[in-house]
Amino acid sequence: MSDFFKDVIEAVKLIPHGKVTSYGMIANYLGVKKSSRAFGWALNKVSKKSKIPVHRVVNRNGLLTGKNNFPSQNHIKDELQKEGFNIKEDSIVDFNNHLWDPIKELTI
């Protein structure tokens, strides 16, 4: 596994329970702002049985994307609802209040 993939996984592990972030925000945090697509590929390599909270990464508008990469079409929705998120039409209701920006949260 490349260092980039490892960095992506380590960043995703930091997303707190009850929060979500976007592919772009994680890519920006890692200093590879234009690599959000590659970031998605890195997440595809994560075992869906792992404890890494890949379901907490959504697109920049709060849409649940990448559903085809999970065991079921409702996996992301189900996992987020277990954490208390309200999902309507594959979108996180009140997205901005649940958004976690690692640049703001992890910068000292």
N, C-alpha and C. Protein backbone atom coordinates (compact mmCIF):
# COMPACT_ATOMS: atom_id res chain seq x y z
N MET A 1 0.85 -1.18 0.00
CA MET A 1 0.00 0.00 0.00
C MET A 1 0.90 1.24 0.00
N SER A 2 0.58 2.20 -0.84
CA SER A 2 1.40 3.41 -0.94
C SER A 2 1.25 4.28 0.29
N ASP A 3 2.22 5.19 0.47
CA ASP A 3 2.14 6.13 1.59
C ASP A 3 0.89 6.99 1.48
N PHE A 4 0.51 7.38 0.26
CA PHE A 4 -0.69 8.18 0.06
C PHE A 4 -1.91 7.43 0.59
N PHE A 5 -2.06 6.15 0.23
CA PHE A 5 -3.19 5.37 0.70
C PHE A 5 -3.18 5.26 2.22
N LYS A 6 -2.01 5.05 2.80
CA LYS A 6 -1.90 4.97 4.26
C LYS A 6 -2.30 6.28 4.91
N ASP A 7 -1.86 7.39 4.33
CA ASP A 7 -2.22 8.71 4.87
C ASP A 7 -3.73 8.94 4.81
N VAL A 8 -4.34 8.54 3.71
CA VAL A 8 -5.79 8.67 3.57
C VAL A 8 -6.50 7.88 4.67
N ILE A 9 -6.10 6.65 4.86
CA ILE A 9 -6.73 5.80 5.87
C ILE A 9 -6.55 6.38 7.27
N GLU A 10 -5.35 6.85 7.57
CA GLU A 10 -5.10 7.44 8.89
C GLU A 10 -5.96 8.69 9.10
N ALA A 11 -6.14 9.50 8.07
CA ALA A 11 -6.97 10.69 8.18
C ALA A 11 -8.43 10.31 8.41
N VAL A 12 -8.91 9.31 7.70
CA VAL A 12 -10.31 8.88 7.86
C VAL A 12 -10.56 8.34 9.27
N LYS A 13 -9.58 7.69 9.84
CA LYS A 13 -9.72 7.17 11.21
C LYS A 13 -9.97 8.29 12.22
N LEU A 14 -9.56 9.51 11.88
CA LEU A 14 -9.69 10.65 12.79
C LEU A 14 -11.08 11.29 12.79
N ILE A 15 -11.92 10.93 11.82
CA ILE A 15 -13.25 11.55 11.74
C ILE A 15 -14.07 11.11 12.95
N PRO A 16 -14.49 12.05 13.77
CA PRO A 16 -15.24 11.68 14.99
C PRO A 16 -16.61 11.08 14.71
N HIS A 17 -17.05 10.26 15.62
CA HIS A 17 -18.41 9.71 15.58
C HIS A 17 -19.39 10.88 15.55
N GLY A 18 -20.39 10.80 14.68
CA GLY A 18 -21.39 11.85 14.59
C GLY A 18 -21.00 13.00 13.67
N LYS A 19 -19.87 12.86 13.00
CA LYS A 19 -19.41 13.89 12.07
C LYS A 19 -19.13 13.24 10.72
N VAL A 20 -19.15 14.04 9.68
CA VAL A 20 -18.78 13.59 8.34
C VAL A 20 -17.83 14.62 7.74
N THR A 21 -17.13 14.21 6.72
CA THR A 21 -16.27 15.12 5.98
C THR A 21 -16.37 14.77 4.50
N SER A 22 -15.72 15.57 3.68
CA SER A 22 -15.78 15.32 2.24
C SER A 22 -14.43 14.79 1.75
N TYR A 23 -14.48 14.20 0.57
CA TYR A 23 -13.25 13.73 -0.06
C TYR A 23 -12.28 14.89 -0.22
N GLY A 24 -12.78 16.02 -0.67
CA GLY A 24 -11.95 17.19 -0.90
C GLY A 24 -11.31 17.75 0.36
N MET A 25 -12.04 17.75 1.46
CA MET A 25 -11.49 18.26 2.72
C MET A 25 -10.33 17.38 3.21
N ILE A 26 -10.47 16.09 3.08
CA ILE A 26 -9.39 15.20 3.48
C ILE A 26 -8.20 15.39 2.54
N ALA A 27 -8.45 15.48 1.25
CA ALA A 27 -7.37 15.69 0.28
C ALA A 27 -6.65 17.00 0.58
N ASN A 28 -7.40 18.04 0.88
CA ASN A 28 -6.80 19.33 1.23
C ASN A 28 -5.96 19.21 2.49
N TYR A 29 -6.47 18.53 3.49
CA TYR A 29 -5.74 18.31 4.74
C TYR A 29 -4.41 17.60 4.49
N LEU A 30 -4.41 16.66 3.57
CA LEU A 30 -3.20 15.91 3.26
C LEU A 30 -2.27 16.66 2.32
N GLY A 31 -2.69 17.85 1.88
CA GLY A 31 -1.84 18.66 1.02
C GLY A 31 -1.89 18.26 -0.43
N VAL A 32 -2.92 17.53 -0.80
CA VAL A 32 -3.08 17.07 -2.19
C VAL A 32 -4.48 17.45 -2.67
N LYS A 33 -4.77 18.73 -2.59
CA LYS A 33 -6.11 19.24 -2.83
C LYS A 33 -6.74 18.75 -4.13
N LYS A 34 -5.96 18.59 -5.16
CA LYS A 34 -6.51 18.17 -6.45
C LYS A 34 -6.56 16.66 -6.59
N SER A 35 -6.41 15.95 -5.50
CA SER A 35 -6.37 14.49 -5.56
C SER A 35 -7.58 13.83 -4.91
N SER A 36 -8.69 14.54 -4.83
CA SER A 36 -9.86 13.96 -4.16
C SER A 36 -10.34 12.71 -4.87
N ARG A 37 -10.17 12.64 -6.17
CA ARG A 37 -10.57 11.44 -6.91
C ARG A 37 -9.68 10.25 -6.51
N ALA A 38 -8.38 10.48 -6.42
CA ALA A 38 -7.45 9.43 -5.98
C ALA A 38 -7.77 9.02 -4.55
N PHE A 39 -8.23 9.99 -3.77
CA PHE A 39 -8.63 9.71 -2.40
C PHE A 39 -9.76 8.68 -2.39
N GLY A 40 -10.71 8.86 -3.30
CA GLY A 40 -11.81 7.89 -3.42
C GLY A 40 -11.30 6.51 -3.76
N TRP A 41 -10.31 6.43 -4.64
CA TRP A 41 -9.73 5.12 -4.98
C TRP A 41 -9.07 4.49 -3.77
N ALA A 42 -8.41 5.31 -2.95
CA ALA A 42 -7.77 4.79 -1.74
C ALA A 42 -8.82 4.18 -0.81
N LEU A 43 -9.95 4.85 -0.67
CA LEU A 43 -11.01 4.32 0.19
C LEU A 43 -11.59 3.03 -0.36
N ASN A 44 -11.61 2.89 -1.67
CA ASN A 44 -12.12 1.66 -2.27
C ASN A 44 -11.27 0.46 -1.90
N LYS A 45 -10.02 0.70 -1.55
CA LYS A 45 -9.10 -0.39 -1.20
C LYS A 45 -9.28 -0.86 0.25
N VAL A 46 -10.00 -0.09 1.04
CA VAL A 46 -10.22 -0.44 2.44
C VAL A 46 -11.23 -1.57 2.52
N SER A 47 -10.91 -2.57 3.31
CA SER A 47 -11.85 -3.67 3.51
C SER A 47 -13.14 -3.14 4.11
N LYS A 48 -14.24 -3.51 3.53
CA LYS A 48 -15.53 -3.03 4.03
C LYS A 48 -15.89 -3.66 5.38
N LYS A 49 -15.11 -4.64 5.79
CA LYS A 49 -15.32 -5.25 7.11
C LYS A 49 -14.45 -4.59 8.17
N SER A 50 -13.61 -3.65 7.77
CA SER A 50 -12.71 -3.00 8.73
C SER A 50 -13.49 -2.03 9.60
N LYS A 51 -12.85 -1.55 10.62
CA LYS A 51 -13.46 -0.58 11.54
C LYS A 51 -13.18 0.86 11.10
N ILE A 52 -12.58 1.03 9.93
CA ILE A 52 -12.28 2.37 9.42
C ILE A 52 -13.60 2.99 8.95
N PRO A 53 -13.95 4.18 9.47
CA PRO A 53 -15.27 4.76 9.19
C PRO A 53 -15.40 5.43 7.82
N VAL A 54 -15.20 4.66 6.78
CA VAL A 54 -15.27 5.23 5.43
C VAL A 54 -16.67 5.75 5.09
N HIS A 55 -17.68 5.29 5.81
CA HIS A 55 -19.05 5.78 5.57
C HIS A 55 -19.20 7.24 5.97
N ARG A 56 -18.24 7.78 6.72
CA ARG A 56 -18.31 9.18 7.15
C ARG A 56 -17.73 10.15 6.12
N VAL A 57 -17.33 9.63 4.98
CA VAL A 57 -16.80 10.49 3.91
C VAL A 57 -17.85 10.56 2.81
N VAL A 58 -18.30 11.77 2.54
CA VAL A 58 -19.35 12.00 1.55
C VAL A 58 -18.88 13.06 0.56
N ASN A 59 -19.69 13.37 -0.42
CA ASN A 59 -19.24 14.40 -1.36
C ASN A 59 -19.42 15.79 -0.74
N ARG A 60 -18.96 16.80 -1.43
CA ARG A 60 -18.91 18.16 -0.87
C ARG A 60 -20.28 18.76 -0.59
N ASN A 61 -21.34 18.13 -1.09
CA ASN A 61 -22.70 18.61 -0.86
C ASN A 61 -23.46 17.77 0.16
N GLY A 62 -22.79 16.80 0.74
CA GLY A 62 -23.45 15.93 1.71
C GLY A 62 -24.18 14.76 1.11
N LEU A 63 -23.94 14.50 -0.17
CA LEU A 63 -24.58 13.35 -0.83
C LEU A 63 -23.81 12.08 -0.53
N LEU A 64 -24.55 11.00 -0.36
CA LEU A 64 -23.96 9.70 -0.11
C LEU A 64 -23.53 9.10 -1.44
N THR A 65 -22.26 9.16 -1.72
CA THR A 65 -21.74 8.66 -2.98
C THR A 65 -20.90 7.40 -2.73
N GLY A 66 -20.60 6.70 -3.77
CA GLY A 66 -19.78 5.50 -3.66
C GLY A 66 -20.53 4.29 -3.13
N LYS A 67 -21.85 4.32 -3.22
CA LYS A 67 -22.66 3.23 -2.66
C LYS A 67 -22.34 1.88 -3.28
N ASN A 68 -21.90 1.88 -4.53
CA ASN A 68 -21.60 0.62 -5.21
C ASN A 68 -20.37 -0.07 -4.66
N ASN A 69 -19.61 0.62 -3.82
CA ASN A 69 -18.40 0.06 -3.25
C ASN A 69 -18.62 -0.57 -1.88
N PHE A 70 -19.86 -0.69 -1.48
CA PHE A 70 -20.19 -1.25 -0.17
C PHE A 70 -21.03 -2.51 -0.33
N PRO A 71 -21.13 -3.28 0.74
CA PRO A 71 -21.87 -4.55 0.66
C PRO A 71 -23.32 -4.42 0.19
N SER A 72 -23.95 -3.29 0.50
CA SER A 72 -25.33 -3.07 0.06
C SER A 72 -25.50 -1.61 -0.34
N GLN A 73 -26.54 -1.33 -1.11
CA GLN A 73 -26.81 0.04 -1.55
C GLN A 73 -27.14 0.97 -0.39
N ASN A 74 -27.60 0.41 0.73
CA ASN A 74 -27.99 1.23 1.87
C ASN A 74 -26.95 1.25 2.99
N HIS A 75 -25.79 0.66 2.75
CA HIS A 75 -24.78 0.54 3.81
C HIS A 75 -24.40 1.90 4.41
N ILE A 76 -24.06 2.87 3.57
CA ILE A 76 -23.65 4.18 4.08
C ILE A 76 -24.79 4.82 4.85
N LYS A 77 -25.96 4.80 4.27
CA LYS A 77 -27.14 5.38 4.92
C LYS A 77 -27.41 4.71 6.26
N ASP A 78 -27.38 3.40 6.29
CA ASP A 78 -27.63 2.65 7.53
C ASP A 78 -26.62 3.00 8.61
N GLU A 79 -25.35 3.04 8.23
CA GLU A 79 -24.29 3.35 9.21
C GLU A 79 -24.42 4.77 9.74
N LEU A 80 -24.71 5.72 8.87
CA LEU A 80 -24.86 7.09 9.32
C LEU A 80 -26.11 7.26 10.19
N GLN A 81 -27.18 6.57 9.86
CA GLN A 81 -28.38 6.65 10.69
C GLN A 81 -28.14 6.05 12.07
N LYS A 82 -27.32 5.03 12.16
CA LYS A 82 -26.96 4.46 13.47
C LYS A 82 -26.24 5.51 14.32
N GLU A 83 -25.56 6.44 13.67
CA GLU A 83 -24.83 7.49 14.38
C GLU A 83 -25.70 8.73 14.63
N GLY A 84 -26.97 8.65 14.24
CA GLY A 84 -27.90 9.74 14.53
C GLY A 84 -28.15 10.71 13.39
N PHE A 85 -27.61 10.44 12.22
CA PHE A 85 -27.83 11.33 11.08
C PHE A 85 -29.22 11.11 10.50
N ASN A 86 -29.81 12.21 10.04
CA ASN A 86 -31.07 12.15 9.32
C ASN A 86 -30.71 12.22 7.83
N ILE A 87 -31.13 11.21 7.08
CA ILE A 87 -30.82 11.13 5.66
C ILE A 87 -32.12 11.24 4.86
N LYS A 88 -32.12 12.13 3.88
CA LYS A 88 -33.29 12.27 3.02
C LYS A 88 -32.81 12.33 1.57
N GLU A 89 -33.36 11.45 0.75
CA GLU A 89 -33.00 11.37 -0.67
C GLU A 89 -31.49 11.30 -0.87
N ASP A 90 -30.84 10.40 -0.12
CA ASP A 90 -29.40 10.16 -0.19
C ASP A 90 -28.56 11.39 0.13
N SER A 91 -29.09 12.26 0.96
CA SER A 91 -28.37 13.46 1.36
C SER A 91 -28.50 13.65 2.87
N ILE A 92 -27.44 14.15 3.48
CA ILE A 92 -27.45 14.38 4.93
C ILE A 92 -28.21 15.67 5.21
N VAL A 93 -29.26 15.56 6.00
CA VAL A 93 -30.05 16.72 6.40
C VAL A 93 -29.20 17.55 7.36
N ASP A 94 -29.20 18.85 7.15
CA ASP A 94 -28.43 19.78 7.99
C ASP A 94 -26.93 19.45 7.93
N PHE A 95 -26.47 19.19 6.72
CA PHE A 95 -25.10 18.75 6.46
C PHE A 95 -24.05 19.64 7.12
N ASN A 96 -24.17 20.94 6.99
CA ASN A 96 -23.14 21.85 7.51
C ASN A 96 -22.95 21.74 9.02
N ASN A 97 -23.98 21.37 9.75
CA ASN A 97 -23.85 21.22 11.20
C ASN A 97 -23.15 19.92 11.60
N HIS A 98 -22.99 19.01 10.66
CA HIS A 98 -22.34 17.73 10.94
C HIS A 98 -20.94 17.66 10.31
N LEU A 99 -20.58 18.71 9.61
CA LEU A 99 -19.34 18.70 8.84
C LEU A 99 -18.11 18.86 9.72
N TRP A 100 -17.14 18.02 9.49
CA TRP A 100 -15.86 18.04 10.20
C TRP A 100 -14.77 18.40 9.20
N ASP A 101 -14.09 19.51 9.43
CA ASP A 101 -13.02 19.95 8.55
C ASP A 101 -11.70 19.72 9.27
N PRO A 102 -10.91 18.73 8.82
CA PRO A 102 -9.67 18.42 9.52
C PRO A 102 -8.68 19.58 9.56
N ILE A 103 -8.70 20.46 8.58
CA ILE A 103 -7.81 21.63 8.60
C ILE A 103 -8.13 22.49 9.83
N LYS A 104 -9.41 22.69 10.10
CA LYS A 104 -9.81 23.52 11.25
C LYS A 104 -9.69 22.76 12.57
N GLU A 105 -10.03 21.49 12.55
CA GLU A 105 -10.10 20.72 13.79
C GLU A 105 -8.74 20.19 14.27
N LEU A 106 -7.83 19.95 13.34
CA LEU A 106 -6.57 19.32 13.71
C LEU A 106 -5.37 20.26 13.68
N THR A 107 -5.58 21.49 13.25
CA THR A 107 -4.49 22.46 13.20
C THR A 107 -4.30 23.04 14.60
N ILE A 108 -3.07 23.04 15.00
CA ILE A 108 -2.75 23.56 16.35
C ILE A 108 -2.48 25.05 16.29
